[in-house]
């Protein structure tokens, strides 16, 4: 029973930490261009004429 006194706050802290990380990723634009990386790998970058 005494281990629950330690485990419940640790679980709540880790959950809040994960939520804060997810909200940070949303605000910093990590999910803005979901198709860009998938299409960028198909574009041949060797044809640049400089």
C-alpha atoms as a PDB file:
ATOM      1  CA  UNK A   1       0.000   0.000   0.000  1.00  0.00           C
ATOM      2  CA  UNK A   2       2.858   2.381   0.688  1.00  0.00           C
ATOM      3  CA  UNK A   3       4.243   1.820  -2.798  1.00  0.00           C
ATOM      4  CA  UNK A   4       1.045   3.310  -4.241  1.00  0.00           C
ATOM      5  CA  UNK A   5       1.868   6.529  -2.422  1.00  0.00           C
ATOM      6  CA  UNK A   6       4.992   6.746  -4.594  1.00  0.00           C
ATOM      7  CA  UNK A   7       3.737   5.186  -7.815  1.00  0.00           C
ATOM      8  CA  UNK A   8       0.585   7.268  -8.299  1.00  0.00           C
ATOM      9  CA  UNK A   9       2.352  10.667  -8.237  1.00  0.00           C
ATOM     10  CA  UNK A  10       5.120   9.304 -10.465  1.00  0.00           C
ATOM     11  CA  UNK A  11       2.531   8.042 -12.981  1.00  0.00           C
ATOM     12  CA  UNK A  12       0.699  11.368 -12.900  1.00  0.00           C
ATOM     13  CA  UNK A  13       3.960  13.251 -13.398  1.00  0.00           C
ATOM     14  CA  UNK A  14       4.974  11.083 -16.351  1.00  0.00           C
ATOM     15  CA  UNK A  15       1.536  11.489 -17.911  1.00  0.00           C
ATOM     16  CA  UNK A  16       1.729  15.260 -17.525  1.00  0.00           C
ATOM     17  CA  UNK A  17       5.231  15.228 -18.975  1.00  0.00           C
ATOM     18  CA  UNK A  18       4.018  13.288 -22.020  1.00  0.00           C
ATOM     19  CA  UNK A  19       1.084  15.655 -22.461  1.00  0.00           C
ATOM     20  CA  UNK A  20       3.396  18.660 -22.221  1.00  0.00           C
ATOM     21  CA  UNK A  21       5.689  17.131 -24.849  1.00  0.00           C
ATOM     22  CA  UNK A  22       2.756  16.508 -27.172  1.00  0.00           C
ATOM     23  CA  UNK A  23       1.449  20.053 -26.746  1.00  0.00           C
ATOM     24  CA  UNK A  24       4.936  21.430 -27.395  1.00  0.00           C
ATOM     25  CA  UNK A  25       5.124  19.402 -30.616  1.00  0.00           C
ATOM     26  CA  UNK A  26       1.742  20.749 -31.711  1.00  0.00           C
ATOM     27  CA  UNK A  27       2.737  24.355 -31.034  1.00  0.00           C
ATOM     28  CA  UNK A  28       6.126  24.069 -32.726  1.00  0.00           C
ATOM     29  CA  UNK A  29       4.593  22.812 -35.972  1.00  0.00           C
ATOM     30  CA  UNK A  30       5.747  19.206 -35.932  1.00  0.00           C
ATOM     31  CA  UNK A  31       2.449  18.005 -37.411  1.00  0.00           C
ATOM     32  CA  UNK A  32       1.933  20.726 -40.037  1.00  0.00           C
ATOM     33  CA  UNK A  33       3.266  18.962 -43.143  1.00  0.00           C
ATOM     34  CA  UNK A  34       2.529  15.249 -42.834  1.00  0.00           C
ATOM     35  CA  UNK A  35       2.792  14.485 -46.558  1.00  0.00           C
ATOM     36  CA  UNK A  36       5.920  16.535 -47.187  1.00  0.00           C
ATOM     37  CA  UNK A  37       8.431  13.997 -45.906  1.00  0.00           C
ATOM     38  CA  UNK A  38       6.684  11.156 -47.704  1.00  0.00           C
ATOM     39  CA  UNK A  39       6.797  13.031 -51.013  1.00  0.00           C
ATOM     40  CA  UNK A  40      10.259  14.510 -50.492  1.00  0.00           C
ATOM     41  CA  UNK A  41      11.858  11.085 -50.532  1.00  0.00           C
ATOM     42  CA  UNK A  42      10.443  10.462 -54.013  1.00  0.00           C
ATOM     43  CA  UNK A  43      11.852  13.663 -55.518  1.00  0.00           C
ATOM     44  CA  UNK A  44      15.211  13.149 -57.175  1.00  0.00           C
ATOM     45  CA  UNK A  45      17.552  15.832 -55.838  1.00  0.00           C
ATOM     46  CA  UNK A  46      20.337  15.164 -58.392  1.00  0.00           C
ATOM     47  CA  UNK A  47      18.679  17.146 -61.193  1.00  0.00           C
ATOM     48  CA  UNK A  48      19.426  20.582 -59.726  1.00  0.00           C
ATOM     49  CA  UNK A  49      20.926  22.891 -62.320  1.00  0.00           C
ATOM     50  CA  UNK A  50      23.183  25.369 -60.508  1.00  0.00           C
END
